[in-house]
Amino acid sequence: MNITVYLGANEGNDPALHKAVTELGAWIGQSGNTLVYGGSKSGLMGALADSVLNAGGRAIGVEPQFFVEKELQHDGLTQLIVTKDMSERKNKMIELGDAFIAFPGGTGTLEEITEVMSKVSLKQLDAPCILYNLNGYYNSLKELLNHMIEKGLSDQERQKGIFFADDLMQIQELLF
């Protein structure tokens, strides 16, 4: 299975992030799955790819040309796909993915996973969309989705396939 993971190229200031992303990567690598991610060597993205590769797994990076020009790509990947821009990158990552995980990240992570959430809710994508709610990181988004239902602007059926997982064990349960 190709597992597309969205996350930041920053390290963040919570040590739990690095520990959790390393565990996620080791599991992806050891379980025979393939990582699809943004292709960076920096921050949490680099730690994720390194942990997948160190566990004997495959890691496919999808990096826009302007990041490659800044030499931000991870050079040790199984495969690096270079796209012309961020839109092409997002489309390629969705095309390659069988399941989608948003690890805690910034605005780019949020933008990417909300596109997946929209496609899942519109039934244009039949794949699990998991928000890794490490230490409650996505609680506010979970509340917002529930608020949409309460206000009649969404419903349970539209949000079917969108999951929140507090830890790696819950992610594993959702995927298998």
N, C-alpha and C. Protein backbone atom coordinates (compact mmCIF):
# COMPACT_ATOMS: atom_id res chain seq x y z
N MET A 1 0.85 -1.18 0.00
CA MET A 1 0.00 0.00 0.00
C MET A 1 0.89 1.24 0.00
N ASN A 2 0.52 2.21 -0.80
CA ASN A 2 1.19 3.51 -0.78
C ASN A 2 0.48 4.40 0.22
N ILE A 3 1.21 4.84 1.23
CA ILE A 3 0.65 5.70 2.26
C ILE A 3 1.21 7.10 2.07
N THR A 4 0.34 8.02 1.67
CA THR A 4 0.74 9.40 1.48
C THR A 4 0.64 10.10 2.83
N VAL A 5 1.75 10.70 3.24
CA VAL A 5 1.79 11.41 4.53
C VAL A 5 2.11 12.87 4.25
N TYR A 6 1.26 13.74 4.78
CA TYR A 6 1.48 15.18 4.71
C TYR A 6 2.00 15.65 6.05
N LEU A 7 3.07 16.45 6.02
CA LEU A 7 3.66 16.96 7.26
C LEU A 7 4.63 18.07 6.91
N GLY A 8 5.12 18.72 7.94
CA GLY A 8 5.95 19.89 7.73
C GLY A 8 7.42 19.60 7.52
N ALA A 9 8.07 20.55 6.86
CA ALA A 9 9.52 20.49 6.69
C ALA A 9 10.22 21.14 7.88
N ASN A 10 9.46 21.64 8.83
CA ASN A 10 10.03 22.16 10.08
C ASN A 10 10.05 21.04 11.11
N GLU A 11 10.89 21.18 12.11
CA GLU A 11 11.01 20.18 13.17
C GLU A 11 9.93 20.35 14.23
N GLY A 12 9.46 21.60 14.41
CA GLY A 12 8.51 21.87 15.49
C GLY A 12 9.23 21.98 16.81
N ASN A 13 8.52 22.40 17.85
CA ASN A 13 9.16 22.59 19.16
C ASN A 13 8.69 21.59 20.21
N ASP A 14 7.98 20.55 19.78
CA ASP A 14 7.51 19.51 20.69
C ASP A 14 8.28 18.23 20.40
N PRO A 15 9.10 17.75 21.35
CA PRO A 15 9.88 16.52 21.11
C PRO A 15 9.02 15.30 20.76
N ALA A 16 7.75 15.33 21.15
CA ALA A 16 6.86 14.20 20.83
C ALA A 16 6.66 14.06 19.32
N LEU A 17 6.78 15.16 18.58
CA LEU A 17 6.60 15.12 17.14
C LEU A 17 7.67 14.24 16.47
N HIS A 18 8.91 14.48 16.81
CA HIS A 18 10.00 13.71 16.20
C HIS A 18 9.89 12.23 16.57
N LYS A 19 9.59 11.95 17.81
CA LYS A 19 9.46 10.56 18.26
C LYS A 19 8.32 9.87 17.49
N ALA A 20 7.17 10.53 17.40
CA ALA A 20 6.01 9.93 16.73
C ALA A 20 6.23 9.76 15.23
N VAL A 21 6.88 10.75 14.59
CA VAL A 21 7.09 10.64 13.14
C VAL A 21 8.09 9.53 12.84
N THR A 22 9.08 9.35 13.70
CA THR A 22 10.05 8.28 13.53
C THR A 22 9.38 6.91 13.69
N GLU A 23 8.49 6.80 14.66
CA GLU A 23 7.75 5.54 14.86
C GLU A 23 6.85 5.25 13.67
N LEU A 24 6.17 6.29 13.16
CA LEU A 24 5.32 6.11 11.98
C LEU A 24 6.14 5.63 10.80
N GLY A 25 7.27 6.26 10.55
CA GLY A 25 8.12 5.86 9.44
C GLY A 25 8.66 4.45 9.58
N ALA A 26 9.09 4.10 10.78
CA ALA A 26 9.60 2.74 11.00
C ALA A 26 8.51 1.71 10.73
N TRP A 27 7.29 2.00 11.16
CA TRP A 27 6.18 1.09 10.91
C TRP A 27 5.89 0.97 9.41
N ILE A 28 5.86 2.09 8.70
CA ILE A 28 5.61 2.04 7.26
C ILE A 28 6.68 1.17 6.59
N GLY A 29 7.95 1.39 6.95
CA GLY A 29 9.03 0.62 6.35
C GLY A 29 8.99 -0.85 6.69
N GLN A 30 8.76 -1.17 7.96
CA GLN A 30 8.76 -2.56 8.41
C GLN A 30 7.55 -3.34 7.93
N SER A 31 6.43 -2.65 7.68
CA SER A 31 5.20 -3.33 7.30
C SER A 31 5.09 -3.61 5.81
N GLY A 32 6.11 -3.19 5.04
CA GLY A 32 6.09 -3.47 3.62
C GLY A 32 5.31 -2.45 2.80
N ASN A 33 4.86 -1.39 3.44
CA ASN A 33 4.16 -0.33 2.72
C ASN A 33 5.19 0.65 2.15
N THR A 34 4.72 1.55 1.30
CA THR A 34 5.58 2.56 0.69
C THR A 34 5.12 3.93 1.13
N LEU A 35 6.07 4.76 1.50
CA LEU A 35 5.79 6.16 1.85
C LEU A 35 5.75 7.00 0.59
N VAL A 36 4.72 7.84 0.48
CA VAL A 36 4.68 8.91 -0.51
C VAL A 36 4.61 10.19 0.31
N TYR A 37 5.51 11.13 0.04
CA TYR A 37 5.52 12.37 0.83
C TYR A 37 6.13 13.48 -0.02
N GLY A 38 6.28 14.65 0.56
CA GLY A 38 6.69 15.84 -0.17
C GLY A 38 8.12 15.90 -0.65
N GLY A 39 8.97 14.97 -0.26
CA GLY A 39 10.30 14.86 -0.84
C GLY A 39 11.42 15.63 -0.17
N SER A 40 11.14 16.36 0.90
CA SER A 40 12.16 17.19 1.54
C SER A 40 13.06 16.37 2.46
N LYS A 41 14.29 16.89 2.63
CA LYS A 41 15.23 16.30 3.58
C LYS A 41 15.15 17.00 4.94
N SER A 42 14.36 18.06 5.02
CA SER A 42 14.33 18.92 6.21
C SER A 42 13.27 18.49 7.23
N GLY A 43 13.53 18.83 8.48
CA GLY A 43 12.56 18.73 9.56
C GLY A 43 11.89 17.38 9.70
N LEU A 44 10.60 17.41 9.98
CA LEU A 44 9.83 16.18 10.18
C LEU A 44 9.76 15.36 8.90
N MET A 45 9.73 16.04 7.75
CA MET A 45 9.69 15.31 6.48
C MET A 45 10.94 14.45 6.31
N GLY A 46 12.09 15.02 6.58
CA GLY A 46 13.33 14.26 6.46
C GLY A 46 13.40 13.13 7.47
N ALA A 47 12.95 13.39 8.70
CA ALA A 47 12.96 12.35 9.73
C ALA A 47 12.05 11.19 9.35
N LEU A 48 10.89 11.50 8.76
CA LEU A 48 9.97 10.45 8.32
C LEU A 48 10.61 9.59 7.24
N ALA A 49 11.14 10.23 6.21
CA ALA A 49 11.76 9.47 5.11
C ALA A 49 12.93 8.63 5.62
N ASP A 50 13.78 9.23 6.46
CA ASP A 50 14.93 8.49 7.00
C ASP A 50 14.48 7.26 7.77
N SER A 51 13.43 7.41 8.57
CA SER A 51 12.98 6.27 9.38
C SER A 51 12.38 5.17 8.51
N VAL A 52 11.69 5.53 7.43
CA VAL A 52 11.16 4.52 6.50
C VAL A 52 12.33 3.78 5.85
N LEU A 53 13.28 4.53 5.34
CA LEU A 53 14.43 3.93 4.64
C LEU A 53 15.29 3.09 5.58
N ASN A 54 15.50 3.57 6.80
CA ASN A 54 16.29 2.83 7.78
C ASN A 54 15.62 1.52 8.19
N ALA A 55 14.29 1.45 8.03
CA ALA A 55 13.55 0.23 8.35
C ALA A 55 13.45 -0.70 7.15
N GLY A 56 14.13 -0.34 6.06
CA GLY A 56 14.13 -1.19 4.87
C GLY A 56 12.97 -0.93 3.92
N GLY A 57 12.25 0.17 4.12
CA GLY A 57 11.10 0.47 3.29
C GLY A 57 11.42 1.33 2.08
N ARG A 58 10.38 1.59 1.32
CA ARG A 58 10.49 2.43 0.13
C ARG A 58 9.90 3.80 0.43
N ALA A 59 10.54 4.85 -0.09
CA ALA A 59 10.08 6.22 0.10
C ALA A 59 10.10 6.95 -1.24
N ILE A 60 8.94 7.41 -1.64
CA ILE A 60 8.79 8.18 -2.88
C ILE A 60 8.54 9.63 -2.50
N GLY A 61 9.40 10.51 -2.97
CA GLY A 61 9.23 11.93 -2.73
C GLY A 61 8.67 12.62 -3.96
N VAL A 62 7.79 13.58 -3.73
CA VAL A 62 7.22 14.37 -4.82
C VAL A 62 7.54 15.82 -4.50
N GLU A 63 8.47 16.38 -5.25
CA GLU A 63 9.04 17.69 -4.92
C GLU A 63 8.88 18.64 -6.11
N PRO A 64 8.36 19.84 -5.88
CA PRO A 64 8.28 20.80 -6.98
C PRO A 64 9.67 21.31 -7.38
N GLN A 65 9.81 21.67 -8.62
CA GLN A 65 11.09 22.09 -9.19
C GLN A 65 11.74 23.20 -8.38
N PHE A 66 10.96 24.18 -7.92
CA PHE A 66 11.57 25.31 -7.20
C PHE A 66 12.20 24.90 -5.88
N PHE A 67 11.72 23.80 -5.26
CA PHE A 67 12.38 23.29 -4.06
C PHE A 67 13.67 22.56 -4.43
N VAL A 68 13.65 21.85 -5.56
CA VAL A 68 14.85 21.15 -6.03
C VAL A 68 15.94 22.18 -6.33
N GLU A 69 15.55 23.29 -6.93
CA GLU A 69 16.52 24.34 -7.23
C GLU A 69 17.16 24.90 -5.96
N LYS A 70 16.43 24.85 -4.83
CA LYS A 70 16.97 25.29 -3.54
C LYS A 70 17.67 24.15 -2.81
N GLU A 71 17.76 22.98 -3.47
CA GLU A 71 18.42 21.78 -2.93
C GLU A 71 17.80 21.31 -1.62
N LEU A 72 16.47 21.31 -1.57
CA LEU A 72 15.76 20.86 -0.38
C LEU A 72 15.36 19.39 -0.47
N GLN A 73 15.54 18.76 -1.62
CA GLN A 73 15.10 17.38 -1.80
C GLN A 73 15.98 16.41 -1.02
N HIS A 74 15.39 15.31 -0.64
CA HIS A 74 16.10 14.21 0.03
C HIS A 74 16.76 13.38 -1.06
N ASP A 75 18.06 13.23 -1.00
CA ASP A 75 18.79 12.55 -2.07
C ASP A 75 18.86 11.04 -1.91
N GLY A 76 18.38 10.49 -0.80
CA GLY A 76 18.48 9.06 -0.58
C GLY A 76 17.20 8.29 -0.82
N LEU A 77 16.23 8.89 -1.48
CA LEU A 77 14.92 8.27 -1.66
C LEU A 77 14.95 7.13 -2.67
N THR A 78 13.97 6.26 -2.55
CA THR A 78 13.78 5.20 -3.53
C THR A 78 13.47 5.81 -4.89
N GLN A 79 12.66 6.86 -4.88
CA GLN A 79 12.28 7.55 -6.10
C GLN A 79 11.98 9.00 -5.76
N LEU A 80 12.41 9.92 -6.61
CA LEU A 80 12.07 11.33 -6.48
C LEU A 80 11.36 11.75 -7.76
N ILE A 81 10.15 12.25 -7.62
CA ILE A 81 9.37 12.76 -8.75
C ILE A 81 9.39 14.27 -8.64
N VAL A 82 9.86 14.94 -9.68
CA VAL A 82 9.93 16.40 -9.69
C VAL A 82 8.75 16.93 -10.50
N THR A 83 7.99 17.84 -9.88
CA THR A 83 6.83 18.43 -10.53
C THR A 83 7.11 19.89 -10.86
N LYS A 84 6.29 20.46 -11.74
CA LYS A 84 6.52 21.85 -12.14
C LYS A 84 6.10 22.83 -11.06
N ASP A 85 5.11 22.46 -10.21
CA ASP A 85 4.63 23.38 -9.18
C ASP A 85 3.90 22.61 -8.08
N MET A 86 3.36 23.35 -7.12
CA MET A 86 2.69 22.73 -5.96
C MET A 86 1.39 22.03 -6.37
N SER A 87 0.66 22.60 -7.32
CA SER A 87 -0.60 21.97 -7.75
C SER A 87 -0.34 20.59 -8.36
N GLU A 88 0.67 20.52 -9.21
CA GLU A 88 1.02 19.23 -9.82
C GLU A 88 1.50 18.26 -8.74
N ARG A 89 2.23 18.78 -7.77
CA ARG A 89 2.71 17.94 -6.66
C ARG A 89 1.53 17.34 -5.90
N LYS A 90 0.55 18.18 -5.54
CA LYS A 90 -0.62 17.68 -4.80
C LYS A 90 -1.35 16.61 -5.59
N ASN A 91 -1.56 16.85 -6.87
CA ASN A 91 -2.28 15.88 -7.70
C ASN A 91 -1.51 14.56 -7.79
N LYS A 92 -0.20 14.63 -7.92
CA LYS A 92 0.61 13.41 -8.02
C LYS A 92 0.58 12.63 -6.71
N MET A 93 0.65 13.33 -5.59
CA MET A 93 0.62 12.65 -4.29
C MET A 93 -0.72 11.95 -4.07
N ILE A 94 -1.80 12.58 -4.51
CA ILE A 94 -3.12 11.95 -4.40
C ILE A 94 -3.20 10.75 -5.34
N GLU A 95 -2.72 10.93 -6.56
CA GLU A 95 -2.74 9.84 -7.54
C GLU A 95 -1.99 8.62 -7.04
N LEU A 96 -0.86 8.82 -6.38
CA LEU A 96 -0.04 7.71 -5.92
C LEU A 96 -0.56 7.05 -4.64
N GLY A 97 -1.38 7.75 -3.86
CA GLY A 97 -1.76 7.27 -2.54
C GLY A 97 -2.92 6.29 -2.53
N ASP A 98 -2.82 5.32 -1.62
CA ASP A 98 -3.91 4.39 -1.33
C ASP A 98 -4.57 4.75 0.00
N ALA A 99 -3.85 5.47 0.84
CA ALA A 99 -4.32 5.95 2.13
C ALA A 99 -3.58 7.26 2.41
N PHE A 100 -4.20 8.12 3.22
CA PHE A 100 -3.67 9.46 3.43
C PHE A 100 -3.64 9.79 4.92
N ILE A 101 -2.51 10.31 5.37
CA ILE A 101 -2.34 10.68 6.77
C ILE A 101 -1.82 12.11 6.83
N ALA A 102 -2.46 12.92 7.66
CA ALA A 102 -1.94 14.26 7.95
C ALA A 102 -1.30 14.19 9.33
N PHE A 103 0.01 14.24 9.37
CA PHE A 103 0.74 14.38 10.62
C PHE A 103 0.63 15.85 11.02
N PRO A 104 0.82 16.22 12.27
CA PRO A 104 0.81 17.64 12.61
C PRO A 104 1.77 18.43 11.71
N GLY A 105 1.27 19.52 11.19
CA GLY A 105 2.06 20.35 10.28
C GLY A 105 1.51 21.75 10.23
N GLY A 106 1.94 22.51 9.25
CA GLY A 106 1.53 23.90 9.10
C GLY A 106 0.45 24.08 8.06
N THR A 107 0.41 25.26 7.47
CA THR A 107 -0.65 25.59 6.52
C THR A 107 -0.59 24.74 5.26
N GLY A 108 0.61 24.36 4.82
CA GLY A 108 0.72 23.50 3.65
C GLY A 108 0.11 22.13 3.91
N THR A 109 0.39 21.58 5.08
CA THR A 109 -0.19 20.29 5.47
C THR A 109 -1.71 20.39 5.50
N LEU A 110 -2.20 21.47 6.09
CA LEU A 110 -3.65 21.66 6.19
C LEU A 110 -4.28 21.77 4.80
N GLU A 111 -3.65 22.53 3.92
CA GLU A 111 -4.18 22.67 2.57
C GLU A 111 -4.24 21.32 1.86
N GLU A 112 -3.16 20.56 1.97
CA GLU A 112 -3.11 19.29 1.26
C GLU A 112 -4.13 18.29 1.79
N ILE A 113 -4.27 18.18 3.10
CA ILE A 113 -5.21 17.19 3.64
C ILE A 113 -6.65 17.63 3.45
N THR A 114 -6.92 18.94 3.43
CA THR A 114 -8.31 19.35 3.19
C THR A 114 -8.74 19.04 1.76
N GLU A 115 -7.82 19.05 0.82
CA GLU A 115 -8.19 18.63 -0.53
C GLU A 115 -8.55 17.15 -0.55
N VAL A 116 -7.78 16.35 0.17
CA VAL A 116 -8.11 14.92 0.27
C VAL A 116 -9.45 14.74 0.98
N MET A 117 -9.67 15.47 2.07
CA MET A 117 -10.94 15.38 2.79
C MET A 117 -12.12 15.71 1.87
N SER A 118 -11.97 16.74 1.06
CA SER A 118 -13.02 17.13 0.13
C SER A 118 -13.29 16.04 -0.89
N LYS A 119 -12.23 15.46 -1.45
CA LYS A 119 -12.40 14.40 -2.44
C LYS A 119 -13.06 13.16 -1.81
N VAL A 120 -12.69 12.85 -0.57
CA VAL A 120 -13.30 11.72 0.13
C VAL A 120 -14.78 12.01 0.37
N SER A 121 -15.10 13.22 0.83
CA SER A 121 -16.49 13.54 1.13
C SER A 121 -17.36 13.59 -0.12
N LEU A 122 -16.78 13.93 -1.26
CA LEU A 122 -17.51 13.97 -2.52
C LEU A 122 -17.52 12.63 -3.24
N LYS A 123 -16.91 11.62 -2.59
CA LYS A 123 -16.82 10.26 -3.14
C LYS A 123 -16.02 10.22 -4.44
N GLN A 124 -15.09 11.17 -4.61
CA GLN A 124 -14.18 11.16 -5.75
C GLN A 124 -12.90 10.39 -5.41
N LEU A 125 -12.77 10.01 -4.16
CA LEU A 125 -11.60 9.29 -3.70
C LEU A 125 -12.06 8.29 -2.65
N ASP A 126 -11.80 7.01 -2.90
CA ASP A 126 -12.19 5.95 -1.97
C ASP A 126 -10.93 5.47 -1.25
N ALA A 127 -10.56 6.23 -0.23
CA ALA A 127 -9.36 5.92 0.54
C ALA A 127 -9.51 6.53 1.92
N PRO A 128 -8.93 5.88 2.94
CA PRO A 128 -9.01 6.49 4.27
C PRO A 128 -8.20 7.78 4.35
N CYS A 129 -8.77 8.76 5.00
CA CYS A 129 -8.13 10.06 5.25
C CYS A 129 -8.01 10.19 6.76
N ILE A 130 -6.78 10.11 7.25
CA ILE A 130 -6.55 10.06 8.70
C ILE A 130 -5.80 11.30 9.15
N LEU A 131 -6.34 11.96 10.14
CA LEU A 131 -5.64 13.07 10.77
C LEU A 131 -5.00 12.53 12.04
N TYR A 132 -3.68 12.55 12.08
CA TYR A 132 -2.93 12.04 13.23
C TYR A 132 -3.03 13.10 14.32
N ASN A 133 -3.92 12.86 15.25
CA ASN A 133 -4.28 13.83 16.28
C ASN A 133 -3.36 13.71 17.50
N LEU A 134 -2.08 13.71 17.25
CA LEU A 134 -1.07 13.56 18.30
C LEU A 134 -1.23 14.67 19.34
N ASN A 135 -1.40 14.27 20.58
CA ASN A 135 -1.57 15.21 21.70
C ASN A 135 -2.66 16.26 21.42
N GLY A 136 -3.70 15.84 20.71
CA GLY A 136 -4.85 16.72 20.45
C GLY A 136 -4.61 17.78 19.40
N TYR A 137 -3.58 17.60 18.56
CA TYR A 137 -3.21 18.62 17.58
C TYR A 137 -4.38 19.04 16.69
N TYR A 138 -5.19 18.09 16.27
CA TYR A 138 -6.29 18.39 15.35
C TYR A 138 -7.65 18.47 16.05
N ASN A 139 -7.68 18.65 17.36
CA ASN A 139 -8.96 18.75 18.06
C ASN A 139 -9.84 19.87 17.53
N SER A 140 -9.26 21.01 17.23
CA SER A 140 -10.05 22.14 16.73
C SER A 140 -10.67 21.82 15.37
N LEU A 141 -9.94 21.11 14.52
CA LEU A 141 -10.49 20.73 13.23
C LEU A 141 -11.62 19.72 13.41
N LYS A 142 -11.44 18.81 14.34
CA LYS A 142 -12.49 17.83 14.64
C LYS A 142 -13.75 18.54 15.11
N GLU A 143 -13.59 19.54 15.98
CA GLU A 143 -14.72 20.33 16.46
C GLU A 143 -15.38 21.08 15.31
N LEU A 144 -14.59 21.62 14.40
CA LEU A 144 -15.15 22.34 13.26
C LEU A 144 -15.97 21.41 12.37
N LEU A 145 -15.49 20.22 12.10
CA LEU A 145 -16.24 19.27 11.28
C LEU A 145 -17.56 18.91 11.95
N ASN A 146 -17.53 18.70 13.27
CA ASN A 146 -18.77 18.43 14.01
C ASN A 146 -19.71 19.63 13.96
N HIS A 147 -19.16 20.83 14.05
CA HIS A 147 -19.95 22.06 13.98
C HIS A 147 -20.64 22.17 12.61
N MET A 148 -19.95 21.79 11.55
CA MET A 148 -20.54 21.79 10.21
C MET A 148 -21.77 20.89 10.17
N ILE A 149 -21.67 19.73 10.81
CA ILE A 149 -22.80 18.80 10.86
C ILE A 149 -23.93 19.40 11.67
N GLU A 150 -23.61 19.97 12.85
CA GLU A 150 -24.63 20.59 13.71
C GLU A 150 -25.38 21.69 12.98
N LYS A 151 -24.70 22.44 12.13
CA LYS A 151 -25.32 23.55 11.41
C LYS A 151 -25.98 23.11 10.10
N GLY A 152 -25.96 21.81 9.82
CA GLY A 152 -26.60 21.31 8.61
C GLY A 152 -25.84 21.59 7.34
N LEU A 153 -24.55 21.93 7.44
CA LEU A 153 -23.74 22.23 6.26
C LEU A 153 -22.93 21.03 5.79
N SER A 154 -22.97 19.98 6.57
CA SER A 154 -22.33 18.71 6.23
C SER A 154 -23.14 17.64 6.95
N ASP A 155 -22.78 16.39 6.77
CA ASP A 155 -23.45 15.32 7.51
C ASP A 155 -22.49 14.15 7.69
N GLN A 156 -22.91 13.20 8.49
CA GLN A 156 -22.06 12.04 8.79
C GLN A 156 -21.65 11.30 7.53
N GLU A 157 -22.56 11.17 6.58
CA GLU A 157 -22.26 10.45 5.34
C GLU A 157 -21.16 11.17 4.55
N ARG A 158 -21.22 12.49 4.49
CA ARG A 158 -20.21 13.26 3.76
C ARG A 158 -18.84 13.12 4.42
N GLN A 159 -18.85 12.95 5.73
CA GLN A 159 -17.57 12.87 6.45
C GLN A 159 -17.11 11.43 6.69
N LYS A 160 -17.85 10.49 6.14
CA LYS A 160 -17.45 9.09 6.24
C LYS A 160 -16.14 8.91 5.49
N GLY A 161 -15.18 8.29 6.10
CA GLY A 161 -13.86 8.11 5.49
C GLY A 161 -12.82 9.08 6.02
N ILE A 162 -13.27 10.05 6.84
CA ILE A 162 -12.36 10.99 7.49
C ILE A 162 -12.25 10.57 8.94
N PHE A 163 -11.03 10.27 9.38
CA PHE A 163 -10.82 9.72 10.71
C PHE A 163 -9.79 10.55 11.48
N PHE A 164 -9.90 10.49 12.79
CA PHE A 164 -8.92 11.09 13.68
C PHE A 164 -8.31 9.97 14.51
N ALA A 165 -6.99 9.90 14.53
CA ALA A 165 -6.28 8.85 15.27
C ALA A 165 -5.33 9.52 16.25
N ASP A 166 -5.38 9.07 17.50
CA ASP A 166 -4.54 9.66 18.54
C ASP A 166 -3.13 9.10 18.58
N ASP A 167 -2.94 7.92 17.99
CA ASP A 167 -1.62 7.28 18.05
C ASP A 167 -1.45 6.31 16.88
N LEU A 168 -0.27 5.76 16.79
CA LEU A 168 0.06 4.85 15.69
C LEU A 168 -0.82 3.60 15.71
N MET A 169 -1.14 3.10 16.88
CA MET A 169 -1.98 1.91 16.96
C MET A 169 -3.34 2.15 16.31
N GLN A 170 -3.93 3.31 16.56
CA GLN A 170 -5.21 3.63 15.94
C GLN A 170 -5.08 3.77 14.42
N ILE A 171 -3.97 4.32 13.96
CA ILE A 171 -3.74 4.41 12.51
C ILE A 171 -3.67 3.01 11.92
N GLN A 172 -2.93 2.12 12.56
CA GLN A 172 -2.81 0.75 12.06
C GLN A 172 -4.18 0.07 12.01
N GLU A 173 -5.01 0.26 13.03
CA GLU A 173 -6.34 -0.32 13.06
C GLU A 173 -7.22 0.21 11.92
N LEU A 174 -7.08 1.50 11.60
CA LEU A 174 -7.86 2.09 10.53
C LEU A 174 -7.43 1.60 9.15
N LEU A 175 -6.16 1.28 9.01
CA LEU A 175 -5.64 0.87 7.70
C LEU A 175 -5.75 -0.63 7.47
N PHE A 176 -5.83 -1.42 8.54
CA PHE A 176 -5.86 -2.88 8.33
C PHE A 176 -6.92 -3.56 9.13
